[in-house]
Amino acid sequence: MKISFIATLGILSLIQTPLSFADNVNGKNLYLQRCSMCHGLDLKATGPLANKSNPATPNLTTSAFKKRLNDYPGVIVSSIILRPNGDLIPKTLRENGVKLSPYSWGIKDLRDLNQYMNGMISKNR
């Protein structure tokens, strides 16, 4: 059931609409609030928790990650957020005393985050 939900989110993310400035701000805010503590402001796994998970936090600016993000738009972001393969992210946060309030992700949020990450990856090249 989770896998089909993730696949549906990925397919829906393919239906692109032009993103306004507000959408990019949403993606940036989501990234800064929910991802940067591990991936860092530069997406290169430079956040304070980057080396505190096992496996260690990946550098999101590598060509391999960029290819995955382009080949499977939305699926990568939604699968990481929804964590179908365990609770690595919540466990790392818990073990390091980081508390994030629950968040109800919507398709727009996943698109915005995907767009923000793509833009940052392109800048880091």
PDB file of N, CA and C in Angstrom:
ATOM      1  N   MET A   1       0.821  -1.195   0.000  1.00  0.00           N
ATOM      2  CA  MET A   1       0.000   0.000   0.000  1.00  0.00           C
ATOM      3  C   MET A   1       0.870   1.266   0.000  1.00  0.00           C
ATOM      4  N   LYS A   2       1.909   1.307   0.881  1.00  0.00           N
ATOM      5  CA  LYS A   2       2.788   2.475   0.935  1.00  0.00           C
ATOM      6  C   LYS A   2       3.491   2.695  -0.395  1.00  0.00           C
ATOM      7  N   ILE A   3       3.940   1.584  -1.025  1.00  0.00           N
ATOM      8  CA  ILE A   3       4.680   1.710  -2.278  1.00  0.00           C
ATOM      9  C   ILE A   3       3.776   2.297  -3.352  1.00  0.00           C
ATOM     10  N   SER A   4       2.507   1.851  -3.430  1.00  0.00           N
ATOM     11  CA  SER A   4       1.624   2.399  -4.459  1.00  0.00           C
ATOM     12  C   SER A   4       1.322   3.866  -4.181  1.00  0.00           C
ATOM     13  N   PHE A   5       1.231   4.255  -2.917  1.00  0.00           N
ATOM     14  CA  PHE A   5       1.025   5.661  -2.562  1.00  0.00           C
ATOM     15  C   PHE A   5       2.216   6.494  -3.022  1.00  0.00           C
ATOM     16  N   ILE A   6       3.427   5.998  -2.782  1.00  0.00           N
ATOM     17  CA  ILE A   6       4.644   6.702  -3.198  1.00  0.00           C
ATOM     18  C   ILE A   6       4.696   6.797  -4.718  1.00  0.00           C
ATOM     19  N   ALA A   7       4.358   5.709  -5.400  1.00  0.00           N
ATOM     20  CA  ALA A   7       4.355   5.727  -6.861  1.00  0.00           C
ATOM     21  C   ALA A   7       3.344   6.750  -7.381  1.00  0.00           C
ATOM     22  N   THR A   8       2.165   6.806  -6.741  1.00  0.00           N
ATOM     23  CA  THR A   8       1.152   7.780  -7.140  1.00  0.00           C
ATOM     24  C   THR A   8       1.667   9.200  -6.959  1.00  0.00           C
ATOM     25  N   LEU A   9       2.324   9.459  -5.821  1.00  0.00           N
ATOM     26  CA  LEU A   9       2.891  10.797  -5.601  1.00  0.00           C
ATOM     27  C   LEU A   9       3.918  11.126  -6.670  1.00  0.00           C
ATOM     28  N   GLY A  10       4.733  10.155  -7.020  1.00  0.00           N
ATOM     29  CA  GLY A  10       5.743  10.375  -8.048  1.00  0.00           C
ATOM     30  C   GLY A  10       5.127  10.701  -9.393  1.00  0.00           C
ATOM     31  N   ILE A  11       4.085   9.957  -9.754  1.00  0.00           N
ATOM     32  CA  ILE A  11       3.407  10.196 -11.036  1.00  0.00           C
ATOM     33  C   ILE A  11       2.747  11.566 -11.034  1.00  0.00           C
ATOM     34  N   LEU A  12       2.078  11.899  -9.920  1.00  0.00           N
ATOM     35  CA  LEU A  12       1.435  13.204  -9.832  1.00  0.00           C
ATOM     36  C   LEU A  12       2.445  14.339  -9.906  1.00  0.00           C
ATOM     37  N   SER A  13       3.645  14.091  -9.400  1.00  0.00           N
ATOM     38  CA  SER A  13       4.657  15.147  -9.448  1.00  0.00           C
ATOM     39  C   SER A  13       5.144  15.411 -10.862  1.00  0.00           C
ATOM     40  N   LEU A  14       4.904  14.473 -11.780  1.00  0.00           N
ATOM     41  CA  LEU A  14       5.308  14.663 -13.167  1.00  0.00           C
ATOM     42  C   LEU A  14       4.435  15.699 -13.875  1.00  0.00           C
ATOM     43  N   ILE A  15       3.222  15.884 -13.345  1.00  0.00           N
ATOM     44  CA  ILE A  15       2.317  16.864 -13.924  1.00  0.00           C
ATOM     45  C   ILE A  15       2.760  18.218 -13.401  1.00  0.00           C
ATOM     46  N   GLN A  16       3.651  18.837 -14.133  1.00  0.00           N
ATOM     47  CA  GLN A  16       4.280  20.077 -13.698  1.00  0.00           C
ATOM     48  C   GLN A  16       3.427  21.281 -14.050  1.00  0.00           C
ATOM     49  N   THR A  17       3.418  22.237 -13.145  1.00  0.00           N
ATOM     50  CA  THR A  17       2.818  23.523 -13.424  1.00  0.00           C
ATOM     51  C   THR A  17       3.905  24.560 -13.218  1.00  0.00           C
ATOM     52  N   PRO A  18       3.819  25.691 -13.891  1.00  0.00           N
ATOM     53  CA  PRO A  18       4.843  26.715 -13.669  1.00  0.00           C
ATOM     54  C   PRO A  18       4.880  27.108 -12.195  1.00  0.00           C
ATOM     55  N   LEU A  19       6.080  27.202 -11.656  1.00  0.00           N
ATOM     56  CA  LEU A  19       6.223  27.526 -10.249  1.00  0.00           C
ATOM     57  C   LEU A  19       6.420  29.022 -10.078  1.00  0.00           C
ATOM     58  N   SER A  20       5.666  29.576  -9.160  1.00  0.00           N
ATOM     59  CA  SER A  20       5.824  30.993  -8.861  1.00  0.00           C
ATOM     60  C   SER A  20       6.908  31.172  -7.809  1.00  0.00           C
ATOM     61  N   PHE A  21       7.257  32.413  -7.541  1.00  0.00           N
ATOM     62  CA  PHE A  21       8.239  32.719  -6.509  1.00  0.00           C
ATOM     63  C   PHE A  21       7.794  32.138  -5.175  1.00  0.00           C
ATOM     64  N   ALA A  22       6.499  32.220  -4.872  1.00  0.00           N
ATOM     65  CA  ALA A  22       5.991  31.714  -3.597  1.00  0.00           C
ATOM     66  C   ALA A  22       6.244  30.215  -3.460  1.00  0.00           C
ATOM     67  N   ASP A  23       6.112  29.472  -4.553  1.00  0.00           N
ATOM     68  CA  ASP A  23       6.354  28.033  -4.502  1.00  0.00           C
ATOM     69  C   ASP A  23       7.802  27.734  -4.139  1.00  0.00           C
ATOM     70  N   ASN A  24       8.735  28.482  -4.729  1.00  0.00           N
ATOM     71  CA  ASN A  24      10.145  28.286  -4.438  1.00  0.00           C
ATOM     72  C   ASN A  24      10.431  28.621  -2.975  1.00  0.00           C
ATOM     73  N   VAL A  25       9.770  29.645  -2.445  1.00  0.00           N
ATOM     74  CA  VAL A  25       9.933  29.998  -1.040  1.00  0.00           C
ATOM     75  C   VAL A  25       9.440  28.852  -0.169  1.00  0.00           C
ATOM     76  N   ASN A  26       8.327  28.244  -0.550  1.00  0.00           N
ATOM     77  CA  ASN A  26       7.806  27.109   0.210  1.00  0.00           C
ATOM     78  C   ASN A  26       8.812  25.962   0.211  1.00  0.00           C
ATOM     79  N   GLY A  27       9.363  25.633  -0.947  1.00  0.00           N
ATOM     80  CA  GLY A  27      10.359  24.562  -1.031  1.00  0.00           C
ATOM     81  C   GLY A  27      11.584  24.871  -0.196  1.00  0.00           C
ATOM     82  N   LYS A  28      12.040  26.110  -0.255  1.00  0.00           N
ATOM     83  CA  LYS A  28      13.200  26.513   0.531  1.00  0.00           C
ATOM     84  C   LYS A  28      12.898  26.414   2.022  1.00  0.00           C
ATOM     85  N   ASN A  29      11.743  26.906   2.447  1.00  0.00           N
ATOM     86  CA  ASN A  29      11.380  26.832   3.864  1.00  0.00           C
ATOM     87  C   ASN A  29      11.288  25.396   4.352  1.00  0.00           C
ATOM     88  N   LEU A  30      10.670  24.535   3.552  1.00  0.00           N
ATOM     89  CA  LEU A  30      10.572  23.127   3.941  1.00  0.00           C
ATOM     90  C   LEU A  30      11.961  22.512   4.068  1.00  0.00           C
ATOM     91  N   TYR A  31      12.813  22.786   3.102  1.00  0.00           N
ATOM     92  CA  TYR A  31      14.169  22.247   3.144  1.00  0.00           C
ATOM     93  C   TYR A  31      14.914  22.744   4.385  1.00  0.00           C
ATOM     94  N   LEU A  32      14.877  24.049   4.616  1.00  0.00           N
ATOM     95  CA  LEU A  32      15.605  24.617   5.752  1.00  0.00           C
ATOM     96  C   LEU A  32      15.084  24.084   7.085  1.00  0.00           C
ATOM     97  N   GLN A  33      13.784  23.927   7.197  1.00  0.00           N
ATOM     98  CA  GLN A  33      13.195  23.480   8.460  1.00  0.00           C
ATOM     99  C   GLN A  33      13.312  21.981   8.682  1.00  0.00           C
ATOM    100  N   ARG A  34      13.294  21.175   7.608  1.00  0.00           N
ATOM    101  CA  ARG A  34      13.148  19.742   7.792  1.00  0.00           C
ATOM    102  C   ARG A  34      14.301  18.900   7.235  1.00  0.00           C
ATOM    103  N   CYS A  35      15.212  19.507   6.464  1.00  0.00           N
ATOM    104  CA  CYS A  35      16.258  18.726   5.808  1.00  0.00           C
ATOM    105  C   CYS A  35      17.673  19.210   6.102  1.00  0.00           C
ATOM    106  N   SER A  36      17.807  20.508   6.294  1.00  0.00           N
ATOM    107  CA  SER A  36      19.151  21.101   6.371  1.00  0.00           C
ATOM    108  C   SER A  36      19.943  20.661   7.594  1.00  0.00           C
ATOM    109  N   MET A  37      19.279  20.203   8.650  1.00  0.00           N
ATOM    110  CA  MET A  37      20.045  19.787   9.831  1.00  0.00           C
ATOM    111  C   MET A  37      20.951  18.591   9.522  1.00  0.00           C
ATOM    112  N   CYS A  38      20.623  17.851   8.491  1.00  0.00           N
ATOM    113  CA  CYS A  38      21.492  16.750   8.059  1.00  0.00           C
ATOM    114  C   CYS A  38      22.221  17.095   6.759  1.00  0.00           C
ATOM    115  N   HIS A  39      21.466  17.580   5.773  1.00  0.00           N
ATOM    116  CA  HIS A  39      22.051  17.817   4.453  1.00  0.00           C
ATOM    117  C   HIS A  39      22.793  19.136   4.341  1.00  0.00           C
ATOM    118  N   GLY A  40      22.609  20.031   5.293  1.00  0.00           N
ATOM    119  CA  GLY A  40      23.309  21.311   5.269  1.00  0.00           C
ATOM    120  C   GLY A  40      22.646  22.308   4.343  1.00  0.00           C
ATOM    121  N   LEU A  41      23.019  23.562   4.489  1.00  0.00           N
ATOM    122  CA  LEU A  41      22.456  24.622   3.650  1.00  0.00           C
ATOM    123  C   LEU A  41      22.847  24.450   2.195  1.00  0.00           C
ATOM    124  N   ASP A  42      23.984  23.810   1.950  1.00  0.00           N
ATOM    125  CA  ASP A  42      24.503  23.621   0.595  1.00  0.00           C
ATOM    126  C   ASP A  42      24.139  22.276  -0.020  1.00  0.00           C
ATOM    127  N   LEU A  43      23.350  21.443   0.674  1.00  0.00           N
ATOM    128  CA  LEU A  43      22.918  20.111   0.238  1.00  0.00           C
ATOM    129  C   LEU A  43      24.061  19.099   0.161  1.00  0.00           C
ATOM    130  N   LYS A  44      25.229  19.442   0.692  1.00  0.00           N
ATOM    131  CA  LYS A  44      26.411  18.589   0.559  1.00  0.00           C
ATOM    132  C   LYS A  44      26.710  17.763   1.815  1.00  0.00           C
ATOM    133  N   ALA A  45      25.678  17.475   2.607  1.00  0.00           N
ATOM    134  CA  ALA A  45      25.844  16.690   3.836  1.00  0.00           C
ATOM    135  C   ALA A  45      26.769  17.391   4.823  1.00  0.00           C
ATOM    136  N   THR A  46      26.541  18.693   5.001  1.00  0.00           N
ATOM    137  CA  THR A  46      27.370  19.481   5.902  1.00  0.00           C
ATOM    138  C   THR A  46      26.608  19.946   7.136  1.00  0.00           C
ATOM    139  N   GLY A  47      25.391  19.450   7.326  1.00  0.00           N
ATOM    140  CA  GLY A  47      24.600  19.839   8.490  1.00  0.00           C
ATOM    141  C   GLY A  47      25.157  19.236   9.767  1.00  0.00           C
ATOM    142  N   PRO A  48      24.745  19.748  10.923  1.00  0.00           N
ATOM    143  CA  PRO A  48      25.275  19.271  12.196  1.00  0.00           C
ATOM    144  C   PRO A  48      25.005  17.795  12.479  1.00  0.00           C
ATOM    145  N   LEU A  49      23.993  17.208  11.839  1.00  0.00           N
ATOM    146  CA  LEU A  49      23.700  15.790  12.065  1.00  0.00           C
ATOM    147  C   LEU A  49      24.180  14.892  10.924  1.00  0.00           C
ATOM    148  N   ALA A  50      24.915  15.448   9.976  1.00  0.00           N
ATOM    149  CA  ALA A  50      25.304  14.715   8.767  1.00  0.00           C
ATOM    150  C   ALA A  50      26.026  13.402   9.049  1.00  0.00           C
ATOM    151  N   ASN A  51      26.897  13.384  10.014  1.00  0.00           N
ATOM    152  CA  ASN A  51      27.670  12.165  10.298  1.00  0.00           C
ATOM    153  C   ASN A  51      27.149  11.389  11.487  1.00  0.00           C
ATOM    154  N   LYS A  52      25.921  11.680  11.902  1.00  0.00           N
ATOM    155  CA  LYS A  52      25.375  11.028  13.082  1.00  0.00           C
ATOM    156  C   LYS A  52      24.347   9.959  12.745  1.00  0.00           C
ATOM    157  N   SER A  53      24.184   9.653  11.476  1.00  0.00           N
ATOM    158  CA  SER A  53      23.286   8.567  11.086  1.00  0.00           C
ATOM    159  C   SER A  53      24.116   7.464  10.448  1.00  0.00           C
ATOM    160  N   ASN A  54      23.531   6.292  10.403  1.00  0.00           N
ATOM    161  CA  ASN A  54      24.205   5.151   9.779  1.00  0.00           C
ATOM    162  C   ASN A  54      23.220   4.509   8.818  1.00  0.00           C
ATOM    163  N   PRO A  55      23.417   4.658   7.528  1.00  0.00           N
ATOM    164  CA  PRO A  55      24.558   5.257   6.850  1.00  0.00           C
ATOM    165  C   PRO A  55      24.553   6.774   7.005  1.00  0.00           C
ATOM    166  N   ALA A  56      25.706   7.358   6.761  1.00  0.00           N
ATOM    167  CA  ALA A  56      25.855   8.809   6.871  1.00  0.00           C
ATOM    168  C   ALA A  56      24.981   9.519   5.838  1.00  0.00           C
ATOM    169  N   THR A  57      24.652  10.736   6.100  1.00  0.00           N
ATOM    170  CA  THR A  57      23.825  11.551   5.211  1.00  0.00           C
ATOM    171  C   THR A  57      24.502  11.714   3.845  1.00  0.00           C
ATOM    172  N   PRO A  58      23.744  11.477   2.763  1.00  0.00           N
ATOM    173  CA  PRO A  58      24.358  11.637   1.437  1.00  0.00           C
ATOM    174  C   PRO A  58      24.459  13.092   0.990  1.00  0.00           C
ATOM    175  N   ASN A  59      25.458  13.344   0.189  1.00  0.00           N
ATOM    176  CA  ASN A  59      25.639  14.625  -0.485  1.00  0.00           C
ATOM    177  C   ASN A  59      24.638  14.648  -1.640  1.00  0.00           C
ATOM    178  N   LEU A  60      23.717  15.596  -1.618  1.00  0.00           N
ATOM    179  CA  LEU A  60      22.663  15.643  -2.630  1.00  0.00           C
ATOM    180  C   LEU A  60      23.084  16.348  -3.907  1.00  0.00           C
ATOM    181  N   THR A  61      24.308  16.846  -3.964  1.00  0.00           N
ATOM    182  CA  THR A  61      24.756  17.562  -5.167  1.00  0.00           C
ATOM    183  C   THR A  61      25.552  16.680  -6.122  1.00  0.00           C
ATOM    184  N   THR A  62      25.694  15.406  -5.807  1.00  0.00           N
ATOM    185  CA  THR A  62      26.453  14.520  -6.691  1.00  0.00           C
ATOM    186  C   THR A  62      25.697  14.294  -7.996  1.00  0.00           C
ATOM    187  N   SER A  63      26.417  13.948  -9.025  1.00  0.00           N
ATOM    188  CA  SER A  63      25.766  13.693 -10.310  1.00  0.00           C
ATOM    189  C   SER A  63      24.832  12.487 -10.217  1.00  0.00           C
ATOM    190  N   ALA A  64      25.164  11.509  -9.403  1.00  0.00           N
ATOM    191  CA  ALA A  64      24.301  10.328  -9.246  1.00  0.00           C
ATOM    192  C   ALA A  64      22.954  10.714  -8.641  1.00  0.00           C
ATOM    193  N   PHE A  65      22.974  11.563  -7.600  1.00  0.00           N
ATOM    194  CA  PHE A  65      21.716  11.979  -6.990  1.00  0.00           C
ATOM    195  C   PHE A  65      20.921  12.863  -7.948  1.00  0.00           C
ATOM    196  N   LYS A  66      21.601  13.768  -8.628  1.00  0.00           N
ATOM    197  CA  LYS A  66      20.912  14.638  -9.587  1.00  0.00           C
ATOM    198  C   LYS A  66      20.228  13.804 -10.664  1.00  0.00           C
ATOM    199  N   LYS A  67      20.893  12.770 -11.143  1.00  0.00           N
ATOM    200  CA  LYS A  67      20.296  11.894 -12.154  1.00  0.00           C
ATOM    201  C   LYS A  67      19.051  11.211 -11.605  1.00  0.00           C
ATOM    202  N   ARG A  68      19.138  10.697 -10.372  1.00  0.00           N
ATOM    203  CA  ARG A  68      17.968  10.053  -9.757  1.00  0.00           C
ATOM    204  C   ARG A  68      16.817  11.041  -9.610  1.00  0.00           C
ATOM    205  N   LEU A  69      17.108  12.263  -9.192  1.00  0.00           N
ATOM    206  CA  LEU A  69      16.081  13.278  -9.007  1.00  0.00           C
ATOM    207  C   LEU A  69      15.430  13.631 -10.341  1.00  0.00           C
ATOM    208  N   ASN A  70      16.234  13.685 -11.412  1.00  0.00           N
ATOM    209  CA  ASN A  70      15.690  13.972 -12.744  1.00  0.00           C
ATOM    210  C   ASN A  70      14.949  12.780 -13.329  1.00  0.00           C
ATOM    211  N   ASP A  71      15.464  11.560 -13.131  1.00  0.00           N
ATOM    212  CA  ASP A  71      14.838  10.362 -13.690  1.00  0.00           C
ATOM    213  C   ASP A  71      13.524  10.015 -12.995  1.00  0.00           C
ATOM    214  N   TYR A  72      13.444  10.303 -11.721  1.00  0.00           N
ATOM    215  CA  TYR A  72      12.267   9.947 -10.922  1.00  0.00           C
ATOM    216  C   TYR A  72      11.774  11.167 -10.143  1.00  0.00           C
ATOM    217  N   PRO A  73      11.331  12.204 -10.836  1.00  0.00           N
ATOM    218  CA  PRO A  73      10.952  13.435 -10.134  1.00  0.00           C
ATOM    219  C   PRO A  73       9.831  13.173  -9.138  1.00  0.00           C
ATOM    220  N   GLY A  74      10.012  13.680  -7.967  1.00  0.00           N
ATOM    221  CA  GLY A  74       8.997  13.524  -6.931  1.00  0.00           C
ATOM    222  C   GLY A  74       9.084  12.221  -6.180  1.00  0.00           C
ATOM    223  N   VAL A  75       9.428  11.139  -6.857  1.00  0.00           N
ATOM    224  CA  VAL A  75       9.484   9.837  -6.191  1.00  0.00           C
ATOM    225  C   VAL A  75      10.594   9.828  -5.152  1.00  0.00           C
ATOM    226  N   ILE A  76      11.756  10.383  -5.503  1.00  0.00           N
ATOM    227  CA  ILE A  76      12.877  10.406  -4.570  1.00  0.00           C
ATOM    228  C   ILE A  76      12.510  11.227  -3.342  1.00  0.00           C
ATOM    229  N   VAL A  77      12.019  12.437  -3.554  1.00  0.00           N
ATOM    230  CA  VAL A  77      11.664  13.304  -2.432  1.00  0.00           C
ATOM    231  C   VAL A  77      10.568  12.664  -1.586  1.00  0.00           C
ATOM    232  N   SER A  78       9.497  12.188  -2.210  1.00  0.00           N
ATOM    233  CA  SER A  78       8.394  11.632  -1.428  1.00  0.00           C
ATOM    234  C   SER A  78       8.797  10.353  -0.718  1.00  0.00           C
ATOM    235  N   SER A  79       9.630   9.522  -1.331  1.00  0.00           N
ATOM    236  CA  SER A  79      10.013   8.271  -0.664  1.00  0.00           C
ATOM    237  C   SER A  79      10.917   8.538   0.538  1.00  0.00           C
ATOM    238  N   ILE A  80      11.748   9.552   0.462  1.00  0.00           N
ATOM    239  CA  ILE A  80      12.599   9.898   1.599  1.00  0.00           C
ATOM    240  C   ILE A  80      11.739  10.438   2.735  1.00  0.00           C
ATOM    241  N   ILE A  81      10.823  11.313   2.400  1.00  0.00           N
ATOM    242  CA  ILE A  81       9.966  11.921   3.411  1.00  0.00           C
ATOM    243  C   ILE A  81       9.065  10.872   4.056  1.00  0.00           C
ATOM    244  N   LEU A  82       8.486   9.978   3.257  1.00  0.00           N
ATOM    245  CA  LEU A  82       7.544   8.998   3.786  1.00  0.00           C
ATOM    246  C   LEU A  82       8.224   7.766   4.369  1.00  0.00           C
ATOM    247  N   ARG A  83       9.522   7.598   4.137  1.00  0.00           N
ATOM    248  CA  ARG A  83      10.345   6.553   4.732  1.00  0.00           C
ATOM    249  C   ARG A  83       9.739   5.143   4.683  1.00  0.00           C
ATOM    250  N   PRO A  84       9.522   4.581   3.518  1.00  0.00           N
ATOM    251  CA  PRO A  84       8.970   3.229   3.478  1.00  0.00           C
ATOM    252  C   PRO A  84       9.949   2.164   3.962  1.00  0.00           C
ATOM    253  N   ASN A  85      11.238   2.492   4.040  1.00  0.00           N
ATOM    254  CA  ASN A  85      12.249   1.494   4.403  1.00  0.00           C
ATOM    255  C   ASN A  85      12.773   1.649   5.827  1.00  0.00           C
ATOM    256  N   GLY A  86      11.973   2.135   6.726  1.00  0.00           N
ATOM    257  CA  GLY A  86      12.418   2.241   8.106  1.00  0.00           C
ATOM    258  C   GLY A  86      12.381   3.648   8.636  1.00  0.00           C
ATOM    259  N   ASP A  87      12.962   3.816   9.818  1.00  0.00           N
ATOM    260  CA  ASP A  87      12.864   5.132  10.445  1.00  0.00           C
ATOM    261  C   ASP A  87      14.236   5.744  10.706  1.00  0.00           C
ATOM    262  N   LEU A  88      15.134   5.670   9.745  1.00  0.00           N
ATOM    263  CA  LEU A  88      16.473   6.225   9.883  1.00  0.00           C
ATOM    264  C   LEU A  88      16.421   7.705  10.263  1.00  0.00           C
ATOM    265  N   ILE A  89      15.601   8.474   9.567  1.00  0.00           N
ATOM    266  CA  ILE A  89      15.548   9.913   9.836  1.00  0.00           C
ATOM    267  C   ILE A  89      14.988  10.185  11.231  1.00  0.00           C
ATOM    268  N   PRO A  90      13.808   9.648  11.576  1.00  0.00           N
ATOM    269  CA  PRO A  90      13.309   9.914  12.939  1.00  0.00           C
ATOM    270  C   PRO A  90      14.245   9.402  14.026  1.00  0.00           C
ATOM    271  N   LYS A  91      14.889   8.261  13.792  1.00  0.00           N
ATOM    272  CA  LYS A  91      15.817   7.704  14.781  1.00  0.00           C
ATOM    273  C   LYS A  91      17.010   8.642  14.984  1.00  0.00           C
ATOM    274  N   THR A  92      17.572   9.138  13.899  1.00  0.00           N
ATOM    275  CA  THR A  92      18.710  10.058  13.989  1.00  0.00           C
ATOM    276  C   THR A  92      18.305  11.326  14.737  1.00  0.00           C
ATOM    277  N   LEU A  93      17.129  11.852  14.416  1.00  0.00           N
ATOM    278  CA  LEU A  93      16.660  13.055  15.105  1.00  0.00           C
ATOM    279  C   LEU A  93      16.458  12.780  16.593  1.00  0.00           C
ATOM    280  N   ARG A  94      15.786  11.674  16.901  1.00  0.00           N
ATOM    281  CA  ARG A  94      15.528  11.289  18.299  1.00  0.00           C
ATOM    282  C   ARG A  94      16.821  11.145  19.081  1.00  0.00           C
ATOM    283  N   GLU A  95      17.779  10.395  18.516  1.00  0.00           N
ATOM    284  CA  GLU A  95      19.048  10.134  19.200  1.00  0.00           C
ATOM    285  C   GLU A  95      19.857  11.400  19.449  1.00  0.00           C
ATOM    286  N   ASN A  96      19.568  12.457  18.694  1.00  0.00           N
ATOM    287  CA  ASN A  96      20.313  13.703  18.831  1.00  0.00           C
ATOM    288  C   ASN A  96      19.473  14.831  19.434  1.00  0.00           C
ATOM    289  N   GLY A  97      18.334  14.465  19.998  1.00  0.00           N
ATOM    290  CA  GLY A  97      17.497  15.425  20.708  1.00  0.00           C
ATOM    291  C   GLY A  97      16.849  16.491  19.844  1.00  0.00           C
ATOM    292  N   VAL A  98      16.689  16.207  18.560  1.00  0.00           N
ATOM    293  CA  VAL A  98      16.048  17.161  17.662  1.00  0.00           C
ATOM    294  C   VAL A  98      14.575  16.798  17.553  1.00  0.00           C
ATOM    295  N   LYS A  99      13.724  17.773  17.837  1.00  0.00           N
ATOM    296  CA  LYS A  99      12.274  17.543  17.759  1.00  0.00           C
ATOM    297  C   LYS A  99      11.688  18.369  16.620  1.00  0.00           C
ATOM    298  N   LEU A 100      11.079  17.668  15.702  1.00  0.00           N
ATOM    299  CA  LEU A 100      10.371  18.324  14.605  1.00  0.00           C
ATOM    300  C   LEU A 100       8.887  18.071  14.806  1.00  0.00           C
ATOM    301  N   SER A 101       8.094  19.087  14.661  1.00  0.00           N
ATOM    302  CA  SER A 101       6.658  18.889  14.770  1.00  0.00           C
ATOM    303  C   SER A 101       6.178  18.092  13.553  1.00  0.00           C
ATOM    304  N   PRO A 102       5.130  17.298  13.747  1.00  0.00           N
ATOM    305  CA  PRO A 102       4.590  16.550  12.606  1.00  0.00           C
ATOM    306  C   PRO A 102       4.176  17.508  11.491  1.00  0.00           C
ATOM    307  N   TYR A 103       4.241  17.033  10.278  1.00  0.00           N
ATOM    308  CA  TYR A 103       3.888  17.864   9.135  1.00  0.00           C
ATOM    309  C   TYR A 103       3.055  17.038   8.172  1.00  0.00           C
ATOM    310  N   SER A 104       1.959  17.595   7.707  1.00  0.00           N
ATOM    311  CA  SER A 104       1.101  16.915   6.731  1.00  0.00           C
ATOM    312  C   SER A 104       1.546  17.331   5.336  1.00  0.00           C
ATOM    313  N   TRP A 105       2.342  16.477   4.703  1.00  0.00           N
ATOM    314  CA  TRP A 105       2.876  16.773   3.380  1.00  0.00           C
ATOM    315  C   TRP A 105       1.778  16.703   2.332  1.00  0.00           C
ATOM    316  N   GLY A 106       1.749  17.679   1.474  1.00  0.00           N
ATOM    317  CA  GLY A 106       0.846  17.673   0.332  1.00  0.00           C
ATOM    318  C   GLY A 106       1.651  17.543  -0.946  1.00  0.00           C
ATOM    319  N   ILE A 107       0.969  17.266  -2.023  1.00  0.00           N
ATOM    320  CA  ILE A 107       1.645  17.117  -3.317  1.00  0.00           C
ATOM    321  C   ILE A 107       2.387  18.410  -3.674  1.00  0.00           C
ATOM    322  N   LYS A 108       1.779  19.553  -3.411  1.00  0.00           N
ATOM    323  CA  LYS A 108       2.418  20.833  -3.704  1.00  0.00           C
ATOM    324  C   LYS A 108       3.722  20.963  -2.923  1.00  0.00           C
ATOM    325  N   ASP A 109       3.725  20.540  -1.667  1.00  0.00           N
ATOM    326  CA  ASP A 109       4.945  20.605  -0.860  1.00  0.00           C
ATOM    327  C   ASP A 109       6.045  19.742  -1.463  1.00  0.00           C
ATOM    328  N   LEU A 110       5.690  18.545  -1.899  1.00  0.00           N
ATOM    329  CA  LEU A 110       6.679  17.643  -2.497  1.00  0.00           C
ATOM    330  C   LEU A 110       7.233  18.238  -3.791  1.00  0.00           C
ATOM    331  N   ARG A 111       6.350  18.830  -4.595  1.00  0.00           N
ATOM    332  CA  ARG A 111       6.807  19.478  -5.833  1.00  0.00           C
ATOM    333  C   ARG A 111       7.726  20.656  -5.526  1.00  0.00           C
ATOM    334  N   ASP A 112       7.314  21.467  -4.550  1.00  0.00           N
ATOM    335  CA  ASP A 112       8.111  22.642  -4.207  1.00  0.00           C
ATOM    336  C   ASP A 112       9.486  22.237  -3.690  1.00  0.00           C
ATOM    337  N   LEU A 113       9.530  21.226  -2.835  1.00  0.00           N
ATOM    338  CA  LEU A 113      10.809  20.763  -2.298  1.00  0.00           C
ATOM    339  C   LEU A 113      11.681  20.193  -3.412  1.00  0.00           C
ATOM    340  N   ASN A 114      11.089  19.414  -4.298  1.00  0.00           N
ATOM    341  CA  ASN A 114      11.818  18.853  -5.436  1.00  0.00           C
ATOM    342  C   ASN A 114      12.378  19.974  -6.308  1.00  0.00           C
ATOM    343  N   GLN A 115      11.573  20.996  -6.576  1.00  0.00           N
ATOM    344  CA  GLN A 115      12.009  22.123  -7.398  1.00  0.00           C
ATOM    345  C   GLN A 115      13.145  22.887  -6.718  1.00  0.00           C
ATOM    346  N   TYR A 116      13.010  23.111  -5.417  1.00  0.00           N
ATOM    347  CA  TYR A 116      14.060  23.829  -4.686  1.00  0.00           C
ATOM    348  C   TYR A 116      15.370  23.043  -4.729  1.00  0.00           C
ATOM    349  N   MET A 117      15.292  21.751  -4.473  1.00  0.00           N
ATOM    350  CA  MET A 117      16.502  20.929  -4.484  1.00  0.00           C
ATOM    351  C   MET A 117      17.146  20.912  -5.858  1.00  0.00           C
ATOM    352  N   ASN A 118      16.330  20.779  -6.919  1.00  0.00           N
ATOM    353  CA  ASN A 118      16.890  20.818  -8.281  1.00  0.00           C
ATOM    354  C   ASN A 118      17.603  22.144  -8.537  1.00  0.00           C
ATOM    355  N   GLY A 119      16.988  23.244  -8.116  1.00  0.00           N
ATOM    356  CA  GLY A 119      17.608  24.545  -8.309  1.00  0.00           C
ATOM    357  C   GLY A 119      18.919  24.677  -7.557  1.00  0.00           C
ATOM    358  N   MET A 120      18.962  24.189  -6.319  1.00  0.00           N
ATOM    359  CA  MET A 120      20.181  24.258  -5.523  1.00  0.00           C
ATOM    360  C   MET A 120      21.263  23.354  -6.100  1.00  0.00           C
ATOM    361  N   ILE A 121      20.890  22.187  -6.573  1.00  0.00           N
ATOM    362  CA  ILE A 121      21.859  21.267  -7.162  1.00  0.00           C
ATOM    363  C   ILE A 121      22.477  21.917  -8.406  1.00  0.00           C
ATOM    364  N   SER A 122      21.643  22.558  -9.211  1.00  0.00           N
ATOM    365  CA  SER A 122      22.152  23.226 -10.415  1.00  0.00           C
ATOM    366  C   SER A 122      23.119  24.349 -10.052  1.00  0.00           C
ATOM    367  N   LYS A 123      22.809  25.102  -8.983  1.00  0.00           N
ATOM    368  CA  LYS A 123      23.687  26.187  -8.535  1.00  0.00           C
ATOM    369  C   LYS A 123      25.032  25.655  -8.052  1.00  0.00           C
ATOM    370  N   ASN A 124      25.025  24.484  -7.428  1.00  0.00           N
ATOM    371  CA  ASN A 124      26.235  23.908  -6.845  1.00  0.00           C
ATOM    372  C   ASN A 124      27.145  23.268  -7.890  1.00  0.00           C
ATOM    373  N   ARG A 125      26.768  23.273  -9.118  1.00  0.00           N
ATOM    374  CA  ARG A 125      27.577  22.632 -10.156  1.00  0.00           C
ATOM    375  C   ARG A 125      28.680  23.532 -10.596  1.00  0.00           C
TER     376      ARG A 125
END
